[in-house]
C-alpha atoms as a PDB file:
ATOM      1  CA  UNK A   1      26.098 -58.046 167.194  1.00  0.00           C
ATOM      2  CA  UNK A   2      24.597 -54.566 166.829  1.00  0.00           C
ATOM      3  CA  UNK A   3      21.341 -54.404 164.932  1.00  0.00           C
ATOM      4  CA  UNK A   4      19.648 -53.995 162.693  1.00  0.00           C
ATOM      5  CA  UNK A   5      21.430 -56.797 160.843  1.00  0.00           C
ATOM      6  CA  UNK A   6      20.780 -58.496 157.507  1.00  0.00           C
ATOM      7  CA  UNK A   7      22.003 -61.887 156.283  1.00  0.00           C
ATOM      8  CA  UNK A   8      22.070 -62.847 152.622  1.00  0.00           C
ATOM      9  CA  UNK A   9      21.406 -66.554 152.114  1.00  0.00           C
ATOM     10  CA  UNK A  10      21.200 -69.227 154.776  1.00  0.00           C
ATOM     11  CA  UNK A  11      22.105 -68.650 158.416  1.00  0.00           C
ATOM     12  CA  UNK A  12      23.327 -72.078 159.722  1.00  0.00           C
ATOM     13  CA  UNK A  13      23.604 -71.684 163.477  1.00  0.00           C
ATOM     14  CA  UNK A  14      25.519 -74.922 163.878  1.00  0.00           C
ATOM     15  CA  UNK A  15      28.210 -74.102 161.250  1.00  0.00           C
ATOM     16  CA  UNK A  16      30.031 -71.090 162.684  1.00  0.00           C
ATOM     17  CA  UNK A  17      32.431 -70.833 159.716  1.00  0.00           C
ATOM     18  CA  UNK A  18      29.435 -70.190 157.382  1.00  0.00           C
ATOM     19  CA  UNK A  19      27.905 -67.371 159.449  1.00  0.00           C
ATOM     20  CA  UNK A  20      28.433 -63.704 158.622  1.00  0.00           C
ATOM     21  CA  UNK A  21      29.876 -63.246 162.138  1.00  0.00           C
ATOM     22  CA  UNK A  22      32.690 -65.761 161.798  1.00  0.00           C
ATOM     23  CA  UNK A  23      35.315 -62.999 161.883  1.00  0.00           C
ATOM     24  CA  UNK A  24      35.941 -61.661 165.351  1.00  0.00           C
ATOM     25  CA  UNK A  25      33.991 -64.346 167.264  1.00  0.00           C
ATOM     26  CA  UNK A  26      35.363 -67.509 168.880  1.00  0.00           C
ATOM     27  CA  UNK A  27      35.268 -70.752 166.895  1.00  0.00           C
ATOM     28  CA  UNK A  28      33.279 -72.382 169.636  1.00  0.00           C
ATOM     29  CA  UNK A  29      30.466 -69.810 169.506  1.00  0.00           C
ATOM     30  CA  UNK A  30      27.372 -71.406 170.963  1.00  0.00           C
ATOM     31  CA  UNK A  31      25.024 -68.687 169.805  1.00  0.00           C
ATOM     32  CA  UNK A  32      24.461 -65.192 168.623  1.00  0.00           C
ATOM     33  CA  UNK A  33      22.722 -62.168 170.112  1.00  0.00           C
ATOM     34  CA  UNK A  34      21.493 -59.466 167.724  1.00  0.00           C
ATOM     35  CA  UNK A  35      20.752 -56.190 169.486  1.00  0.00           C
ATOM     36  CA  UNK A  36      17.962 -55.057 167.164  1.00  0.00           C
ATOM     37  CA  UNK A  37      16.165 -56.454 164.123  1.00  0.00           C
ATOM     38  CA  UNK A  38      17.453 -59.387 162.062  1.00  0.00           C
ATOM     39  CA  UNK A  39      16.404 -60.081 158.457  1.00  0.00           C
ATOM     40  CA  UNK A  40      17.579 -63.355 156.840  1.00  0.00           C
ATOM     41  CA  UNK A  41      16.621 -63.714 153.187  1.00  0.00           C
ATOM     42  CA  UNK A  42      17.277 -67.476 153.392  1.00  0.00           C
ATOM     43  CA  UNK A  43      16.686 -70.141 155.975  1.00  0.00           C
ATOM     44  CA  UNK A  44      17.835 -70.214 159.606  1.00  0.00           C
ATOM     45  CA  UNK A  45      18.899 -73.768 160.379  1.00  0.00           C
ATOM     46  CA  UNK A  46      20.216 -75.678 163.409  1.00  0.00           C
ATOM     47  CA  UNK A  47      20.388 -79.354 162.469  1.00  0.00           C
ATOM     48  CA  UNK A  48      23.058 -80.950 164.642  1.00  0.00           C
ATOM     49  CA  UNK A  49      21.811 -81.101 168.200  1.00  0.00           C
ATOM     50  CA  UNK A  50      19.893 -77.895 168.707  1.00  0.00           C
ATOM     51  CA  UNK A  51      22.567 -76.453 171.010  1.00  0.00           C
ATOM     52  CA  UNK A  52      23.181 -73.173 169.140  1.00  0.00           C
ATOM     53  CA  UNK A  53      21.260 -70.139 170.315  1.00  0.00           C
ATOM     54  CA  UNK A  54      19.905 -67.171 168.414  1.00  0.00           C
ATOM     55  CA  UNK A  55      18.552 -64.290 170.468  1.00  0.00           C
ATOM     56  CA  UNK A  56      17.076 -61.353 168.552  1.00  0.00           C
ATOM     57  CA  UNK A  57      16.265 -58.267 170.617  1.00  0.00           C
ATOM     58  CA  UNK A  58      14.008 -56.908 167.904  1.00  0.00           C
ATOM     59  CA  UNK A  59      11.987 -58.303 165.022  1.00  0.00           C
ATOM     60  CA  UNK A  60      13.075 -61.447 163.178  1.00  0.00           C
ATOM     61  CA  UNK A  61      12.230 -62.108 159.539  1.00  0.00           C
ATOM     62  CA  UNK A  62      13.466 -65.209 157.734  1.00  0.00           C
ATOM     63  CA  UNK A  63      12.365 -67.398 154.845  1.00  0.00           C
ATOM     64  CA  UNK A  64      12.063 -70.460 157.129  1.00  0.00           C
ATOM     65  CA  UNK A  65      13.319 -71.566 160.555  1.00  0.00           C
ATOM     66  CA  UNK A  66      14.300 -75.164 161.247  1.00  0.00           C
ATOM     67  CA  UNK A  67      15.772 -76.441 164.505  1.00  0.00           C
ATOM     68  CA  UNK A  68      16.073 -79.834 166.135  1.00  0.00           C
ATOM     69  CA  UNK A  69      15.487 -78.138 169.493  1.00  0.00           C
ATOM     70  CA  UNK A  70      12.299 -76.601 170.883  1.00  0.00           C
ATOM     71  CA  UNK A  71      11.837 -73.059 169.641  1.00  0.00           C
ATOM     72  CA  UNK A  72      10.447 -70.370 171.899  1.00  0.00           C
ATOM     73  CA  UNK A  73       9.198 -66.924 171.141  1.00  0.00           C
ATOM     74  CA  UNK A  74       8.097 -67.499 167.537  1.00  0.00           C
ATOM     75  CA  UNK A  75       4.772 -65.918 166.678  1.00  0.00           C
ATOM     76  CA  UNK A  76       2.604 -67.072 163.797  1.00  0.00           C
ATOM     77  CA  UNK A  77       2.217 -64.109 161.396  1.00  0.00           C
ATOM     78  CA  UNK A  78      -1.280 -65.296 160.352  1.00  0.00           C
ATOM     79  CA  UNK A  79      -2.872 -67.104 163.318  1.00  0.00           C
ATOM     80  CA  UNK A  80      -6.335 -66.841 161.724  1.00  0.00           C
ATOM     81  CA  UNK A  81      -5.278 -69.134 158.826  1.00  0.00           C
ATOM     82  CA  UNK A  82      -5.010 -72.894 159.489  1.00  0.00           C
ATOM     83  CA  UNK A  83      -1.697 -74.574 158.621  1.00  0.00           C
ATOM     84  CA  UNK A  84      -3.423 -76.832 156.099  1.00  0.00           C
ATOM     85  CA  UNK A  85      -4.177 -73.787 153.976  1.00  0.00           C
ATOM     86  CA  UNK A  86      -0.631 -72.414 154.207  1.00  0.00           C
ATOM     87  CA  UNK A  87       1.754 -75.398 153.881  1.00  0.00           C
ATOM     88  CA  UNK A  88       2.483 -77.643 150.924  1.00  0.00           C
ATOM     89  CA  UNK A  89       0.644 -80.968 151.335  1.00  0.00           C
ATOM     90  CA  UNK A  90       3.879 -82.981 151.604  1.00  0.00           C
ATOM     91  CA  UNK A  91       4.426 -81.510 155.095  1.00  0.00           C
ATOM     92  CA  UNK A  92       1.121 -82.552 156.577  1.00  0.00           C
ATOM     93  CA  UNK A  93       0.600 -85.719 158.582  1.00  0.00           C
ATOM     94  CA  UNK A  94      -2.010 -87.927 156.850  1.00  0.00           C
ATOM     95  CA  UNK A  95      -2.127 -90.784 159.374  1.00  0.00           C
ATOM     96  CA  UNK A  96      -0.075 -91.746 162.383  1.00  0.00           C
ATOM     97  CA  UNK A  97       2.820 -89.311 162.808  1.00  0.00           C
ATOM     98  CA  UNK A  98       6.316 -90.688 162.193  1.00  0.00           C
ATOM     99  CA  UNK A  99       9.136 -90.610 164.745  1.00  0.00           C
ATOM    100  CA  UNK A 100      10.303 -87.201 163.445  1.00  0.00           C
ATOM    101  CA  UNK A 101       6.793 -85.771 163.314  1.00  0.00           C
ATOM    102  CA  UNK A 102       5.452 -82.781 165.167  1.00  0.00           C
ATOM    103  CA  UNK A 103       2.064 -84.213 166.119  1.00  0.00           C
ATOM    104  CA  UNK A 104       0.959 -81.174 168.104  1.00  0.00           C
ATOM    105  CA  UNK A 105       0.571 -79.258 164.859  1.00  0.00           C
ATOM    106  CA  UNK A 106       0.256 -82.103 162.334  1.00  0.00           C
ATOM    107  CA  UNK A 107       3.605 -81.690 160.560  1.00  0.00           C
ATOM    108  CA  UNK A 108       5.884 -84.361 159.160  1.00  0.00           C
ATOM    109  CA  UNK A 109       9.247 -83.421 160.626  1.00  0.00           C
ATOM    110  CA  UNK A 110      11.272 -85.457 158.109  1.00  0.00           C
ATOM    111  CA  UNK A 111       9.559 -83.792 155.167  1.00  0.00           C
ATOM    112  CA  UNK A 112       9.988 -80.366 156.752  1.00  0.00           C
ATOM    113  CA  UNK A 113      13.737 -80.907 157.202  1.00  0.00           C
ATOM    114  CA  UNK A 114      14.219 -82.376 153.753  1.00  0.00           C
ATOM    115  CA  UNK A 115      12.377 -79.559 151.948  1.00  0.00           C
ATOM    116  CA  UNK A 116      14.078 -76.865 154.006  1.00  0.00           C
ATOM    117  CA  UNK A 117      17.600 -78.166 153.440  1.00  0.00           C
ATOM    118  CA  UNK A 118      16.879 -78.640 149.737  1.00  0.00           C
ATOM    119  CA  UNK A 119      15.706 -75.011 149.484  1.00  0.00           C
ATOM    120  CA  UNK A 120      12.167 -75.985 148.472  1.00  0.00           C
ATOM    121  CA  UNK A 121       9.232 -73.850 149.521  1.00  0.00           C
ATOM    122  CA  UNK A 122       7.215 -74.834 152.575  1.00  0.00           C
ATOM    123  CA  UNK A 123       4.191 -72.691 151.862  1.00  0.00           C
ATOM    124  CA  UNK A 124       1.609 -72.741 149.098  1.00  0.00           C
ATOM    125  CA  UNK A 125       1.914 -68.987 148.508  1.00  0.00           C
ATOM    126  CA  UNK A 126       5.450 -68.844 147.083  1.00  0.00           C
END
């Protein structure tokens, strides 16, 4: 896909028929490469098995990103601010992390997924 590219709404990587690139790409697309910047005004999601790939050869801006697979190459836009001051309290682990938790950063994975798929904000500055 030549960039820059913009997507209105959600970009579901695991539902090819709902992507803006469904025309002219194979049904069994396992990922997308954007040669340039990509702006998604909704969420980028990959909720089935994390097998879909998104490679952006430029800057990526999206409302939220949720994947069941490890994500590489994401940079925190405000590393000086702790997550506790940025995220809604429902996302934060307040005891032993659950099986879907992300203990390395203190996030409740189940709450993250539920809020993201419901279109609810993840941050306190919305």
